[in-house]
Amino acid sequence: MDNAQAERMMAKLVLILSNHVGDRSILSEAIALARNNTLKSANPKA
C-alpha cells in the first residue's frame, strides 16, 4: 500500500468509526485531542 492509499484508508476508517461512535461531544473531544497531538508532534518546541 502506498502513502496515498494508506491516507485514503485512514480517512475511511475515521468516517466508519465516527459513524459507530455517533456522539458528537465524544467525536469533538477526540478530534481536538488528535489535532493537538498532531500539532505538538509537528512542532515540539511550540
PDB file of N, CA and C in Angstrom:
ATOM      1  N   MET A   1       0.856  -1.164   0.000  1.00  0.00           N
ATOM      2  CA  MET A   1       0.000   0.000   0.000  1.00  0.00           C
ATOM      3  C   MET A   1       0.911   1.238   0.000  1.00  0.00           C
ATOM      4  N   ASP A   2       0.682   2.135  -0.956  1.00  0.00           N
ATOM      5  CA  ASP A   2       1.489   3.348  -0.982  1.00  0.00           C
ATOM      6  C   ASP A   2       0.902   4.391  -0.023  1.00  0.00           C
ATOM      7  N   ASN A   3       1.570   5.517   0.121  1.00  0.00           N
ATOM      8  CA  ASN A   3       1.127   6.540   1.078  1.00  0.00           C
ATOM      9  C   ASN A   3      -0.263   7.082   0.766  1.00  0.00           C
ATOM     10  N   ALA A   4      -0.557   7.310  -0.499  1.00  0.00           N
ATOM     11  CA  ALA A   4      -1.874   7.831  -0.877  1.00  0.00           C
ATOM     12  C   ALA A   4      -2.974   6.838  -0.516  1.00  0.00           C
ATOM     13  N   GLN A   5      -2.729   5.557  -0.770  1.00  0.00           N
ATOM     14  CA  GLN A   5      -3.716   4.539  -0.415  1.00  0.00           C
ATOM     15  C   GLN A   5      -3.883   4.452   1.101  1.00  0.00           C
ATOM     16  N   ALA A   6      -2.780   4.548   1.829  1.00  0.00           N
ATOM     17  CA  ALA A   6      -2.851   4.493   3.292  1.00  0.00           C
ATOM     18  C   ALA A   6      -3.632   5.683   3.837  1.00  0.00           C
ATOM     19  N   GLU A   7      -3.430   6.866   3.279  1.00  0.00           N
ATOM     20  CA  GLU A   7      -4.174   8.047   3.729  1.00  0.00           C
ATOM     21  C   GLU A   7      -5.663   7.909   3.433  1.00  0.00           C
ATOM     22  N   ARG A   8      -6.008   7.372   2.261  1.00  0.00           N
ATOM     23  CA  ARG A   8      -7.430   7.149   1.934  1.00  0.00           C
ATOM     24  C   ARG A   8      -8.048   6.130   2.884  1.00  0.00           C
ATOM     25  N   MET A   9      -7.300   5.055   3.172  1.00  0.00           N
ATOM     26  CA  MET A   9      -7.805   4.042   4.083  1.00  0.00           C
ATOM     27  C   MET A   9      -8.045   4.638   5.473  1.00  0.00           C
ATOM     28  N   MET A  10      -7.092   5.451   5.957  1.00  0.00           N
ATOM     29  CA  MET A  10      -7.240   6.061   7.277  1.00  0.00           C
ATOM     30  C   MET A  10      -8.441   7.004   7.306  1.00  0.00           C
ATOM     31  N   ALA A  11      -8.647   7.771   6.250  1.00  0.00           N
ATOM     32  CA  ALA A  11      -9.805   8.671   6.188  1.00  0.00           C
ATOM     33  C   ALA A  11     -11.104   7.868   6.228  1.00  0.00           C
ATOM     34  N   LYS A  12     -11.152   6.784   5.496  1.00  0.00           N
ATOM     35  CA  LYS A  12     -12.346   5.937   5.505  1.00  0.00           C
ATOM     36  C   LYS A  12     -12.565   5.310   6.871  1.00  0.00           C
ATOM     37  N   LEU A  13     -11.480   4.878   7.507  1.00  0.00           N
ATOM     38  CA  LEU A  13     -11.583   4.286   8.837  1.00  0.00           C
ATOM     39  C   LEU A  13     -12.130   5.300   9.834  1.00  0.00           C
ATOM     40  N   VAL A  14     -11.648   6.534   9.759  1.00  0.00           N
ATOM     41  CA  VAL A  14     -12.137   7.586  10.654  1.00  0.00           C
ATOM     42  C   VAL A  14     -13.639   7.786  10.464  1.00  0.00           C
ATOM     43  N   LEU A  15     -14.089   7.834   9.226  1.00  0.00           N
ATOM     44  CA  LEU A  15     -15.521   8.014   8.968  1.00  0.00           C
ATOM     45  C   LEU A  15     -16.345   6.839   9.485  1.00  0.00           C
ATOM     46  N   ILE A  16     -15.855   5.636   9.284  1.00  0.00           N
ATOM     47  CA  ILE A  16     -16.572   4.443   9.757  1.00  0.00           C
ATOM     48  C   ILE A  16     -16.656   4.448  11.277  1.00  0.00           C
ATOM     49  N   LEU A  17     -15.527   4.700  11.946  1.00  0.00           N
ATOM     50  CA  LEU A  17     -15.528   4.709  13.409  1.00  0.00           C
ATOM     51  C   LEU A  17     -16.371   5.850  13.962  1.00  0.00           C
ATOM     52  N   SER A  18     -16.339   7.008  13.308  1.00  0.00           N
ATOM     53  CA  SER A  18     -17.168   8.136  13.740  1.00  0.00           C
ATOM     54  C   SER A  18     -18.640   7.776  13.667  1.00  0.00           C
ATOM     55  N   ASN A  19     -19.008   7.077  12.615  1.00  0.00           N
ATOM     56  CA  ASN A  19     -20.396   6.651  12.462  1.00  0.00           C
ATOM     57  C   ASN A  19     -20.793   5.689  13.576  1.00  0.00           C
ATOM     58  N   HIS A  20     -19.886   4.838  13.990  1.00  0.00           N
ATOM     59  CA  HIS A  20     -20.181   3.887  15.064  1.00  0.00           C
ATOM     60  C   HIS A  20     -20.280   4.581  16.417  1.00  0.00           C
ATOM     61  N   VAL A  21     -19.433   5.575  16.656  1.00  0.00           N
ATOM     62  CA  VAL A  21     -19.466   6.296  17.936  1.00  0.00           C
ATOM     63  C   VAL A  21     -20.748   7.119  18.012  1.00  0.00           C
ATOM     64  N   GLY A  22     -20.963   7.957  17.020  1.00  0.00           N
ATOM     65  CA  GLY A  22     -22.204   8.695  16.894  1.00  0.00           C
ATOM     66  C   GLY A  22     -22.432   9.847  17.855  1.00  0.00           C
ATOM     67  N   ASP A  23     -21.722   9.943  18.947  1.00  0.00           N
ATOM     68  CA  ASP A  23     -21.928  11.007  19.933  1.00  0.00           C
ATOM     69  C   ASP A  23     -21.051  12.201  19.574  1.00  0.00           C
ATOM     70  N   ARG A  24     -21.692  13.311  19.228  1.00  0.00           N
ATOM     71  CA  ARG A  24     -20.969  14.486  18.745  1.00  0.00           C
ATOM     72  C   ARG A  24     -19.961  15.015  19.758  1.00  0.00           C
ATOM     73  N   SER A  25     -20.291  15.018  21.037  1.00  0.00           N
ATOM     74  CA  SER A  25     -19.362  15.553  22.033  1.00  0.00           C
ATOM     75  C   SER A  25     -18.124  14.675  22.166  1.00  0.00           C
ATOM     76  N   ILE A  26     -18.301  13.364  22.087  1.00  0.00           N
ATOM     77  CA  ILE A  26     -17.155  12.449  22.142  1.00  0.00           C
ATOM     78  C   ILE A  26     -16.296  12.616  20.892  1.00  0.00           C
ATOM     79  N   LEU A  27     -16.935  12.734  19.736  1.00  0.00           N
ATOM     80  CA  LEU A  27     -16.187  12.933  18.492  1.00  0.00           C
ATOM     81  C   LEU A  27     -15.427  14.251  18.508  1.00  0.00           C
ATOM     82  N   SER A  28     -16.068  15.315  18.999  1.00  0.00           N
ATOM     83  CA  SER A  28     -15.399  16.619  19.082  1.00  0.00           C
ATOM     84  C   SER A  28     -14.174  16.559  19.983  1.00  0.00           C
ATOM     85  N   GLU A  29     -14.298  15.878  21.102  1.00  0.00           N
ATOM     86  CA  GLU A  29     -13.165  15.733  22.013  1.00  0.00           C
ATOM     87  C   GLU A  29     -12.043  14.928  21.364  1.00  0.00           C
ATOM     88  N   ALA A  30     -12.392  13.843  20.692  1.00  0.00           N
ATOM     89  CA  ALA A  30     -11.381  13.009  20.027  1.00  0.00           C
ATOM     90  C   ALA A  30     -10.680  13.787  18.916  1.00  0.00           C
ATOM     91  N   ILE A  31     -11.433  14.571  18.149  1.00  0.00           N
ATOM     92  CA  ILE A  31     -10.837  15.370  17.082  1.00  0.00           C
ATOM     93  C   ILE A  31      -9.893  16.409  17.663  1.00  0.00           C
ATOM     94  N   ALA A  32     -10.298  17.060  18.740  1.00  0.00           N
ATOM     95  CA  ALA A  32      -9.444  18.065  19.377  1.00  0.00           C
ATOM     96  C   ALA A  32      -8.160  17.431  19.908  1.00  0.00           C
ATOM     97  N   LEU A  33      -8.260  16.274  20.535  1.00  0.00           N
ATOM     98  CA  LEU A  33      -7.070  15.581  21.038  1.00  0.00           C
ATOM     99  C   LEU A  33      -6.125  15.198  19.898  1.00  0.00           C
ATOM    100  N   ALA A  34      -6.683  14.669  18.825  1.00  0.00           N
ATOM    101  CA  ALA A  34      -5.859  14.276  17.679  1.00  0.00           C
ATOM    102  C   ALA A  34      -5.191  15.490  17.049  1.00  0.00           C
ATOM    103  N   ARG A  35      -5.940  16.583  16.915  1.00  0.00           N
ATOM    104  CA  ARG A  35      -5.388  17.803  16.317  1.00  0.00           C
ATOM    105  C   ARG A  35      -4.256  18.347  17.181  1.00  0.00           C
ATOM    106  N   ASN A  36      -4.492  18.450  18.467  1.00  0.00           N
ATOM    107  CA  ASN A  36      -3.471  18.986  19.368  1.00  0.00           C
ATOM    108  C   ASN A  36      -2.224  18.111  19.369  1.00  0.00           C
ATOM    109  N   ASN A  37      -2.418  16.799  19.396  1.00  0.00           N
ATOM    110  CA  ASN A  37      -1.287  15.875  19.389  1.00  0.00           C
ATOM    111  C   ASN A  37      -0.501  15.995  18.091  1.00  0.00           C
ATOM    112  N   THR A  38      -1.197  16.129  16.978  1.00  0.00           N
ATOM    113  CA  THR A  38      -0.541  16.243  15.678  1.00  0.00           C
ATOM    114  C   THR A  38       0.251  17.538  15.591  1.00  0.00           C
ATOM    115  N   LEU A  39      -0.336  18.631  16.057  1.00  0.00           N
ATOM    116  CA  LEU A  39       0.355  19.917  16.017  1.00  0.00           C
ATOM    117  C   LEU A  39       1.587  19.910  16.914  1.00  0.00           C
ATOM    118  N   LYS A  40       1.465  19.303  18.087  1.00  0.00           N
ATOM    119  CA  LYS A  40       2.604  19.229  19.011  1.00  0.00           C
ATOM    120  C   LYS A  40       3.721  18.377  18.438  1.00  0.00           C
ATOM    121  N   SER A  41       3.380  17.263  17.800  1.00  0.00           N
ATOM    122  CA  SER A  41       4.427  16.396  17.251  1.00  0.00           C
ATOM    123  C   SER A  41       5.083  17.025  16.021  1.00  0.00           C
ATOM    124  N   ALA A  42       4.348  17.884  15.311  1.00  0.00           N
ATOM    125  CA  ALA A  42       4.921  18.551  14.139  1.00  0.00           C
ATOM    126  C   ALA A  42       5.803  19.721  14.553  1.00  0.00           C
ATOM    127  N   ASN A  43       5.527  20.302  15.730  1.00  0.00           N
ATOM    128  CA  ASN A  43       6.276  21.463  16.204  1.00  0.00           C
ATOM    129  C   ASN A  43       6.506  21.313  17.698  1.00  0.00           C
ATOM    130  N   PRO A  44       7.401  20.422  18.125  1.00  0.00           N
ATOM    131  CA  PRO A  44       7.560  20.100  19.540  1.00  0.00           C
ATOM    132  C   PRO A  44       8.053  21.248  20.414  1.00  0.00           C
ATOM    133  N   LYS A  45       8.636  22.298  19.844  1.00  0.00           N
ATOM    134  CA  LYS A  45       9.156  23.409  20.642  1.00  0.00           C
ATOM    135  C   LYS A  45       8.116  24.484  20.892  1.00  0.00           C
ATOM    136  N   ALA A  46       6.954  24.379  20.260  1.00  0.00           N
ATOM    137  CA  ALA A  46       5.915  25.413  20.434  1.00  0.00           C
ATOM    138  C   ALA A  46       5.117  25.185  21.694  1.00  0.00           C
TER     139      ALA A  46
END
